[in-house]
Amino acid sequence: MPDPIFSHPRLAAVYDAFDDDRRDLDAYDALVTELGAHAVADIGCGTGCLALRLALRGLKVIGVDPAGASLDVARAKPGADAVTWLESEATVLPPASADLVVMTGNVAQVFLTDEEWDKTLGASHRALRPGGHLVFETRRPEMRAWEDWRRRTAVERRDVPGIGKVEQTFELRGVDLPLVSFRYTYTFGRESARLVSDSVLRFWTRQEIERSLVRAGFTLMDVRHAPDRPGLEHVFIAHT
C-alpha cells in the first residue's frame, strides 16, 4: 500500500511543490544517452517528472506506480499522452518491453523485505530486452542519513497554485536498522486541515544489493556515486 504522501489526492497534488529540486534526474537523463536506451520503464514513477522528461526526448516510456493519486497528477501534466501509465506494481510491465528500467529517488528503499525486492527485480528482468539495463540508487547506511534527518525542525512553506498556502513538517520516528521510519505532516491554509503521512525506508547494504541482483539474473556493471549527493548514495548499473 503506497504511503499517503503519494496516494492521498491532496498530498499528491502538492508533492512537486515540496520536492521541486530534481537535479537528481540529470544523471538518469545522461545515463539514457550513455546506455543507448530507446524504451524506458520507470518503476515508482510518482508524479511523472522523469517519465515526461524522457518522453519529451522522443523515447518510448512506461511509468508504473501503485499510487493512483500520483498518476492522476502525472496524467494532468503537458505531454502526458506520450507516456503509458500503469497503476500497479512492477509485475505488470510487459515482457521485453524496455531496454532500460529505472528506479529514482528512494524507490528501491520502499521494498522492506527480501521477498518484495526480489519480486521487483524479477519483474524488471522480465521487462528488459536481452542486453538491457537496470539503474537505481540507494542511500548508503554507513553514511547514517537519519542523523541529519533528526535535526530537521524547520517548517517548509509553499504557496501552491490552485491550492493555496501549505506547510510541511518532518519528524524522524524511529531507527531500527535496516528500517528507518519518519512522518510528514501537512497543514493546508486557512482551514488548518492537517494530513499525516508515515513512511519507512530500508537501508540496504551494498553487499545485500549485489547478492539480490545475482539472484534475479543480473550482472553488475558499475556502482557509482549520485552526482547530486556525492558519497551519500550508491547508483547501481546492471544488465541482463
C-alpha atoms as a PDB file:
ATOM      1  CA  MET A   1       0.000   0.000   0.000  1.00  0.00           C
ATOM      2  CA  PRO A   2       1.609   3.313  -1.055  1.00  0.00           C
ATOM      3  CA  ASP A   3       2.236   5.941   1.613  1.00  0.00           C
ATOM      4  CA  PRO A   4      -0.352   8.761   1.843  1.00  0.00           C
ATOM      5  CA  ILE A   5       2.206  11.267   0.581  1.00  0.00           C
ATOM      6  CA  PHE A   6       1.813   9.513  -2.785  1.00  0.00           C
ATOM      7  CA  SER A   7      -1.677   8.016  -2.594  1.00  0.00           C
ATOM      8  CA  HIS A   8      -3.790  10.723  -0.933  1.00  0.00           C
ATOM      9  CA  PRO A   9      -5.158  13.131  -3.602  1.00  0.00           C
ATOM     10  CA  ARG A  10      -4.480  16.279  -1.562  1.00  0.00           C
ATOM     11  CA  LEU A  11      -0.923  15.253  -0.723  1.00  0.00           C
ATOM     12  CA  ALA A  12      -0.084  14.050  -4.220  1.00  0.00           C
ATOM     13  CA  ALA A  13      -1.287  17.405  -5.561  1.00  0.00           C
ATOM     14  CA  VAL A  14       1.347  19.288  -3.524  1.00  0.00           C
ATOM     15  CA  TYR A  15       4.173  16.755  -3.788  1.00  0.00           C
ATOM     16  CA  ASP A  16       6.009  18.501  -6.632  1.00  0.00           C
ATOM     17  CA  ALA A  17       5.833  21.846  -4.846  1.00  0.00           C
ATOM     18  CA  PHE A  18       7.853  20.479  -1.921  1.00  0.00           C
ATOM     19  CA  ASP A  19      10.090  18.166  -3.982  1.00  0.00           C
ATOM     20  CA  ASP A  20      10.910  20.833  -6.541  1.00  0.00           C
ATOM     21  CA  ASP A  21      14.690  20.323  -6.811  1.00  0.00           C
ATOM     22  CA  ARG A  22      15.018  17.460  -9.297  1.00  0.00           C
ATOM     23  CA  ARG A  23      18.665  17.793 -10.214  1.00  0.00           C
ATOM     24  CA  ASP A  24      18.881  14.110  -9.317  1.00  0.00           C
ATOM     25  CA  LEU A  25      17.168  13.336 -12.624  1.00  0.00           C
ATOM     26  CA  ASP A  26      20.021  14.817 -14.652  1.00  0.00           C
ATOM     27  CA  ALA A  27      22.110  11.715 -14.016  1.00  0.00           C
ATOM     28  CA  TYR A  28      19.341   9.426 -15.281  1.00  0.00           C
ATOM     29  CA  ASP A  29      18.871  11.601 -18.348  1.00  0.00           C
ATOM     30  CA  ALA A  30      22.593  11.267 -19.080  1.00  0.00           C
ATOM     31  CA  LEU A  31      22.541   7.504 -18.499  1.00  0.00           C
ATOM     32  CA  VAL A  32      19.806   7.102 -21.097  1.00  0.00           C
ATOM     33  CA  THR A  33      22.230   8.530 -23.638  1.00  0.00           C
ATOM     34  CA  GLU A  34      25.238   6.623 -22.289  1.00  0.00           C
ATOM     35  CA  LEU A  35      23.423   3.284 -22.407  1.00  0.00           C
ATOM     36  CA  GLY A  36      21.746   3.962 -25.756  1.00  0.00           C
ATOM     37  CA  ALA A  37      18.243   3.390 -24.429  1.00  0.00           C
ATOM     38  CA  HIS A  38      15.168   3.961 -26.592  1.00  0.00           C
ATOM     39  CA  ALA A  39      12.429   2.412 -24.429  1.00  0.00           C
ATOM     40  CA  VAL A  40      12.375   3.074 -20.673  1.00  0.00           C
ATOM     41  CA  ALA A  41      10.280   1.673 -17.819  1.00  0.00           C
ATOM     42  CA  ASP A  42      10.154   3.985 -14.798  1.00  0.00           C
ATOM     43  CA  ILE A  43       9.216   1.966 -11.704  1.00  0.00           C
ATOM     44  CA  GLY A  44       7.703   4.096  -8.952  1.00  0.00           C
ATOM     45  CA  CYS A  45       7.302   6.961 -11.405  1.00  0.00           C
ATOM     46  CA  GLY A  46       5.206   9.029  -8.974  1.00  0.00           C
ATOM     47  CA  THR A  47       4.055  12.305 -10.485  1.00  0.00           C
ATOM     48  CA  GLY A  48       5.926  11.533 -13.682  1.00  0.00           C
ATOM     49  CA  CYS A  49       8.817  14.014 -13.639  1.00  0.00           C
ATOM     50  CA  LEU A  50      11.387  11.677 -15.229  1.00  0.00           C
ATOM     51  CA  ALA A  51       8.920   9.810 -17.445  1.00  0.00           C
ATOM     52  CA  LEU A  52       7.705  13.052 -19.025  1.00  0.00           C
ATOM     53  CA  ARG A  53      11.235  14.383 -19.392  1.00  0.00           C
ATOM     54  CA  LEU A  54      12.282  11.271 -21.309  1.00  0.00           C
ATOM     55  CA  ALA A  55       9.133  11.184 -23.419  1.00  0.00           C
ATOM     56  CA  LEU A  56       9.876  14.760 -24.461  1.00  0.00           C
ATOM     57  CA  ARG A  57      13.146  13.445 -25.885  1.00  0.00           C
ATOM     58  CA  GLY A  58      11.167  11.062 -28.080  1.00  0.00           C
ATOM     59  CA  LEU A  59      11.735   7.901 -26.054  1.00  0.00           C
ATOM     60  CA  LYS A  60       9.064   5.280 -25.546  1.00  0.00           C
ATOM     61  CA  VAL A  61       8.256   5.431 -21.825  1.00  0.00           C
ATOM     62  CA  ILE A  62       6.174   3.359 -19.418  1.00  0.00           C
ATOM     63  CA  GLY A  63       5.523   4.843 -15.989  1.00  0.00           C
ATOM     64  CA  VAL A  64       4.320   2.365 -13.382  1.00  0.00           C
ATOM     65  CA  ASP A  65       3.234   3.190  -9.840  1.00  0.00           C
ATOM     66  CA  PRO A  66       0.650   1.747  -7.408  1.00  0.00           C
ATOM     67  CA  ALA A  67      -0.302   5.248  -6.194  1.00  0.00           C
ATOM     68  CA  GLY A  68      -3.253   6.307  -8.321  1.00  0.00           C
ATOM     69  CA  ALA A  69      -3.316   9.859  -6.936  1.00  0.00           C
ATOM     70  CA  SER A  70       0.264  10.454  -8.063  1.00  0.00           C
ATOM     71  CA  LEU A  71      -0.535   9.112 -11.509  1.00  0.00           C
ATOM     72  CA  ASP A  72      -3.534  11.446 -11.706  1.00  0.00           C
ATOM     73  CA  VAL A  73      -1.119  14.338 -11.194  1.00  0.00           C
ATOM     74  CA  ALA A  74       1.208  12.922 -13.855  1.00  0.00           C
ATOM     75  CA  ARG A  75      -1.590  12.440 -16.380  1.00  0.00           C
ATOM     76  CA  ALA A  76      -2.646  16.097 -15.992  1.00  0.00           C
ATOM     77  CA  LYS A  77       0.789  17.438 -16.994  1.00  0.00           C
ATOM     78  CA  PRO A  78       1.662  18.654 -20.505  1.00  0.00           C
ATOM     79  CA  GLY A  79       2.860  15.818 -22.742  1.00  0.00           C
ATOM     80  CA  ALA A  80       1.370  13.085 -20.551  1.00  0.00           C
ATOM     81  CA  ASP A  81      -0.297  11.401 -23.522  1.00  0.00           C
ATOM     82  CA  ALA A  82       3.157  10.381 -24.762  1.00  0.00           C
ATOM     83  CA  VAL A  83       3.670   8.105 -21.721  1.00  0.00           C
ATOM     84  CA  THR A  84       1.981   4.789 -20.983  1.00  0.00           C
ATOM     85  CA  TRP A  85       0.847   4.996 -17.337  1.00  0.00           C
ATOM     86  CA  LEU A  86       0.206   1.801 -15.364  1.00  0.00           C
ATOM     87  CA  GLU A  87      -1.373   1.930 -11.908  1.00  0.00           C
ATOM     88  CA  SER A  88       0.158  -1.153 -10.368  1.00  0.00           C
ATOM     89  CA  GLU A  89       3.309  -2.785  -9.103  1.00  0.00           C
ATOM     90  CA  ALA A  90       6.202  -3.518 -11.447  1.00  0.00           C
ATOM     91  CA  THR A  91       4.926  -7.040 -12.083  1.00  0.00           C
ATOM     92  CA  VAL A  92       2.515  -5.689 -14.733  1.00  0.00           C
ATOM     93  CA  LEU A  93       5.309  -4.474 -17.001  1.00  0.00           C
ATOM     94  CA  PRO A  94       5.077  -6.248 -20.369  1.00  0.00           C
ATOM     95  CA  PRO A  95       7.861  -8.748 -21.082  1.00  0.00           C
ATOM     96  CA  ALA A  96      10.765  -7.454 -23.185  1.00  0.00           C
ATOM     97  CA  SER A  97       9.181  -4.001 -23.398  1.00  0.00           C
ATOM     98  CA  ALA A  98      12.180  -1.871 -22.362  1.00  0.00           C
ATOM     99  CA  ASP A  99      15.909  -1.612 -22.817  1.00  0.00           C
ATOM    100  CA  LEU A 100      16.274   0.403 -19.607  1.00  0.00           C
ATOM    101  CA  VAL A 101      14.455   0.086 -16.271  1.00  0.00           C
ATOM    102  CA  VAL A 102      14.988   2.800 -13.677  1.00  0.00           C
ATOM    103  CA  MET A 103      14.072   3.464 -10.047  1.00  0.00           C
ATOM    104  CA  THR A 104      14.871   7.014  -8.960  1.00  0.00           C
ATOM    105  CA  GLY A 105      14.956   8.681  -5.553  1.00  0.00           C
ATOM    106  CA  ASN A 106      14.014   6.407  -2.661  1.00  0.00           C
ATOM    107  CA  VAL A 107      12.025   3.916  -4.749  1.00  0.00           C
ATOM    108  CA  ALA A 108      14.411   0.994  -4.231  1.00  0.00           C
ATOM    109  CA  GLN A 109      14.233   1.527  -0.465  1.00  0.00           C
ATOM    110  CA  VAL A 110      10.447   1.295  -0.107  1.00  0.00           C
ATOM    111  CA  PHE A 111      10.695  -2.503  -0.509  1.00  0.00           C
ATOM    112  CA  LEU A 112      11.127  -3.590   3.093  1.00  0.00           C
ATOM    113  CA  THR A 113      11.562  -7.350   2.702  1.00  0.00           C
ATOM    114  CA  ASP A 114      13.775  -9.545   0.555  1.00  0.00           C
ATOM    115  CA  GLU A 115      10.635 -11.045  -0.977  1.00  0.00           C
ATOM    116  CA  GLU A 116       9.241  -7.661  -2.101  1.00  0.00           C
ATOM    117  CA  TRP A 117      12.589  -6.589  -3.505  1.00  0.00           C
ATOM    118  CA  ASP A 118      13.228  -9.897  -5.303  1.00  0.00           C
ATOM    119  CA  LYS A 119       9.775  -9.679  -6.883  1.00  0.00           C
ATOM    120  CA  THR A 120      10.536  -6.198  -8.201  1.00  0.00           C
ATOM    121  CA  LEU A 121      13.921  -7.224  -9.541  1.00  0.00           C
ATOM    122  CA  GLY A 122      12.361 -10.254 -11.209  1.00  0.00           C
ATOM    123  CA  ALA A 123       9.732  -8.060 -12.861  1.00  0.00           C
ATOM    124  CA  SER A 124      12.472  -5.681 -14.017  1.00  0.00           C
ATOM    125  CA  HIS A 125      14.466  -8.533 -15.545  1.00  0.00           C
ATOM    126  CA  ARG A 126      11.432  -9.835 -17.435  1.00  0.00           C
ATOM    127  CA  ALA A 127      10.598  -6.350 -18.713  1.00  0.00           C
ATOM    128  CA  LEU A 128      14.055  -5.909 -20.203  1.00  0.00           C
ATOM    129  CA  ARG A 129      15.121  -6.985 -23.652  1.00  0.00           C
ATOM    130  CA  PRO A 130      18.328  -9.051 -23.913  1.00  0.00           C
ATOM    131  CA  GLY A 131      21.259  -6.818 -23.020  1.00  0.00           C
ATOM    132  CA  GLY A 132      19.003  -4.260 -21.354  1.00  0.00           C
ATOM    133  CA  HIS A 133      19.998  -2.300 -18.264  1.00  0.00           C
ATOM    134  CA  LEU A 134      18.651  -1.669 -14.775  1.00  0.00           C
ATOM    135  CA  VAL A 135      19.644   1.535 -12.932  1.00  0.00           C
ATOM    136  CA  PHE A 136      18.646   2.567  -9.408  1.00  0.00           C
ATOM    137  CA  GLU A 137      20.029   4.320  -6.349  1.00  0.00           C
ATOM    138  CA  THR A 138      20.081   3.588  -2.625  1.00  0.00           C
ATOM    139  CA  ARG A 139      21.317   5.574   0.357  1.00  0.00           C
ATOM    140  CA  ARG A 140      24.472   4.168   1.941  1.00  0.00           C
ATOM    141  CA  PRO A 141      23.620   3.051   5.503  1.00  0.00           C
ATOM    142  CA  GLU A 142      27.157   3.770   6.727  1.00  0.00           C
ATOM    143  CA  MET A 143      26.551   7.471   5.992  1.00  0.00           C
ATOM    144  CA  ARG A 144      23.704   7.483   8.556  1.00  0.00           C
ATOM    145  CA  ALA A 145      21.384   9.924   6.767  1.00  0.00           C
ATOM    146  CA  TRP A 146      18.892   9.655   9.619  1.00  0.00           C
ATOM    147  CA  GLU A 147      21.209  11.634  11.890  1.00  0.00           C
ATOM    148  CA  ASP A 148      20.745  14.671   9.652  1.00  0.00           C
ATOM    149  CA  TRP A 149      17.011  13.955   9.478  1.00  0.00           C
ATOM    150  CA  ARG A 150      16.849  14.051  13.283  1.00  0.00           C
ATOM    151  CA  ARG A 151      17.911  17.695  13.145  1.00  0.00           C
ATOM    152  CA  ARG A 152      15.225  18.724  10.655  1.00  0.00           C
ATOM    153  CA  THR A 153      12.980  21.095  12.576  1.00  0.00           C
ATOM    154  CA  ALA A 154      12.246  23.870  10.090  1.00  0.00           C
ATOM    155  CA  VAL A 155       8.729  24.277   8.731  1.00  0.00           C
ATOM    156  CA  GLU A 156       8.625  24.267   4.930  1.00  0.00           C
ATOM    157  CA  ARG A 157       6.049  26.573   3.376  1.00  0.00           C
ATOM    158  CA  ARG A 158       4.769  26.740  -0.180  1.00  0.00           C
ATOM    159  CA  ASP A 159       2.094  28.722  -1.956  1.00  0.00           C
ATOM    160  CA  VAL A 160       0.773  26.108  -4.363  1.00  0.00           C
ATOM    161  CA  PRO A 161      -1.135  27.355  -7.429  1.00  0.00           C
ATOM    162  CA  GLY A 162      -4.793  26.386  -7.244  1.00  0.00           C
ATOM    163  CA  ILE A 163      -4.428  25.148  -3.664  1.00  0.00           C
ATOM    164  CA  GLY A 164      -3.020  27.986  -1.581  1.00  0.00           C
ATOM    165  CA  LYS A 165      -0.604  28.052   1.346  1.00  0.00           C
ATOM    166  CA  VAL A 166       0.617  24.697   2.643  1.00  0.00           C
ATOM    167  CA  GLU A 167       3.045  23.922   5.477  1.00  0.00           C
ATOM    168  CA  GLN A 168       5.134  20.764   5.758  1.00  0.00           C
ATOM    169  CA  THR A 169       6.904  19.472   8.866  1.00  0.00           C
ATOM    170  CA  PHE A 170       9.164  16.430   9.162  1.00  0.00           C
ATOM    171  CA  GLU A 171       9.691  14.099  12.138  1.00  0.00           C
ATOM    172  CA  LEU A 172      12.067  11.179  12.441  1.00  0.00           C
ATOM    173  CA  ARG A 173      10.011   8.452  14.128  1.00  0.00           C
ATOM    174  CA  GLY A 174      12.399   5.558  14.624  1.00  0.00           C
ATOM    175  CA  VAL A 175      15.666   3.889  13.689  1.00  0.00           C
ATOM    176  CA  ASP A 176      15.643   0.103  13.872  1.00  0.00           C
ATOM    177  CA  LEU A 177      18.149  -0.828  11.201  1.00  0.00           C
ATOM    178  CA  PRO A 178      17.811  -1.678   8.457  1.00  0.00           C
ATOM    179  CA  LEU A 179      14.493   0.207   8.773  1.00  0.00           C
ATOM    180  CA  VAL A 180      14.093   3.944   9.360  1.00  0.00           C
ATOM    181  CA  SER A 181      10.652   5.490   9.847  1.00  0.00           C
ATOM    182  CA  PHE A 182       9.580   9.113   9.538  1.00  0.00           C
ATOM    183  CA  ARG A 183       6.486  11.303   9.284  1.00  0.00           C
ATOM    184  CA  TYR A 184       5.438  14.272   7.178  1.00  0.00           C
ATOM    185  CA  THR A 185       2.618  16.484   8.438  1.00  0.00           C
ATOM    186  CA  TYR A 186       0.867  18.925   6.104  1.00  0.00           C
ATOM    187  CA  THR A 187      -1.309  21.856   7.131  1.00  0.00           C
ATOM    188  CA  PHE A 188      -3.493  23.417   4.469  1.00  0.00           C
ATOM    189  CA  GLY A 189      -4.122  27.178   4.582  1.00  0.00           C
ATOM    190  CA  ARG A 190      -6.857  28.961   6.451  1.00  0.00           C
ATOM    191  CA  GLU A 191      -8.871  25.810   7.054  1.00  0.00           C
ATOM    192  CA  SER A 192      -5.896  24.421   9.014  1.00  0.00           C
ATOM    193  CA  ALA A 193      -6.676  20.926   7.770  1.00  0.00           C
ATOM    194  CA  ARG A 194      -3.897  18.529   8.766  1.00  0.00           C
ATOM    195  CA  LEU A 195      -2.868  15.371   6.949  1.00  0.00           C
ATOM    196  CA  VAL A 196      -0.167  12.969   8.089  1.00  0.00           C
ATOM    197  CA  SER A 197       1.928  10.581   6.024  1.00  0.00           C
ATOM    198  CA  ASP A 198       4.102   7.921   7.690  1.00  0.00           C
ATOM    199  CA  SER A 199       6.881   6.228   5.727  1.00  0.00           C
ATOM    200  CA  VAL A 200       9.512   3.532   6.243  1.00  0.00           C
ATOM    201  CA  LEU A 201      12.677   3.029   4.194  1.00  0.00           C
ATOM    202  CA  ARG A 202      15.023   0.069   4.186  1.00  0.00           C
ATOM    203  CA  PHE A 203      18.725   0.917   4.162  1.00  0.00           C
ATOM    204  CA  TRP A 204      20.252  -1.862   2.079  1.00  0.00           C
ATOM    205  CA  THR A 205      23.962  -2.613   2.277  1.00  0.00           C
ATOM    206  CA  ARG A 206      25.918  -2.777  -0.950  1.00  0.00           C
ATOM    207  CA  GLN A 207      26.517  -6.487  -0.372  1.00  0.00           C
ATOM    208  CA  GLU A 208      22.776  -7.159   0.022  1.00  0.00           C
ATOM    209  CA  ILE A 209      22.018  -5.355  -3.219  1.00  0.00           C
ATOM    210  CA  GLU A 210      24.754  -7.144  -5.127  1.00  0.00           C
ATOM    211  CA  ARG A 211      23.540 -10.555  -3.927  1.00  0.00           C
ATOM    212  CA  SER A 212      19.958  -9.704  -4.866  1.00  0.00           C
ATOM    213  CA  LEU A 213      20.985  -8.723  -8.393  1.00  0.00           C
ATOM    214  CA  VAL A 214      22.703 -12.078  -8.843  1.00  0.00           C
ATOM    215  CA  ARG A 215      19.578 -13.889  -7.599  1.00  0.00           C
ATOM    216  CA  ALA A 216      17.484 -12.045 -10.181  1.00  0.00           C
ATOM    217  CA  GLY A 217      19.824 -12.958 -13.045  1.00  0.00           C
ATOM    218  CA  PHE A 218      21.536  -9.577 -13.462  1.00  0.00           C
ATOM    219  CA  THR A 219      25.216  -8.872 -13.994  1.00  0.00           C
ATOM    220  CA  LEU A 220      26.519  -5.846 -12.108  1.00  0.00           C
ATOM    221  CA  MET A 221      28.285  -3.410 -14.434  1.00  0.00           C
ATOM    222  CA  ASP A 222      29.130  -0.500 -12.190  1.00  0.00           C
ATOM    223  CA  VAL A 223      28.438   1.198  -8.854  1.00  0.00           C
ATOM    224  CA  ARG A 224      28.665   4.992  -8.906  1.00  0.00           C
ATOM    225  CA  HIS A 225      28.018   7.971  -6.665  1.00  0.00           C
ATOM    226  CA  ALA A 226      24.885  10.050  -7.157  1.00  0.00           C
ATOM    227  CA  PRO A 227      26.144  13.395  -8.556  1.00  0.00           C
ATOM    228  CA  ASP A 228      23.619  15.390  -6.509  1.00  0.00           C
ATOM    229  CA  ARG A 229      24.588  13.582  -3.267  1.00  0.00           C
ATOM    230  CA  PRO A 230      28.278  12.709  -3.659  1.00  0.00           C
ATOM    231  CA  GLY A 231      29.400   9.995  -1.271  1.00  0.00           C
ATOM    232  CA  LEU A 232      25.952   9.520   0.236  1.00  0.00           C
ATOM    233  CA  GLU A 233      24.388   7.076  -2.207  1.00  0.00           C
ATOM    234  CA  HIS A 234      25.202   4.177  -4.477  1.00  0.00           C
ATOM    235  CA  VAL A 235      23.929   4.139  -8.049  1.00  0.00           C
ATOM    236  CA  PHE A 236      23.794   0.557  -9.325  1.00  0.00           C
ATOM    237  CA  ILE A 237      24.017  -0.214 -13.043  1.00  0.00           C
ATOM    238  CA  ALA A 238      23.312  -3.814 -14.027  1.00  0.00           C
ATOM    239  CA  HIS A 239      22.431  -5.631 -17.237  1.00  0.00           C
ATOM    240  CA  THR A 240      20.595  -8.788 -18.235  1.00  0.00           C
END
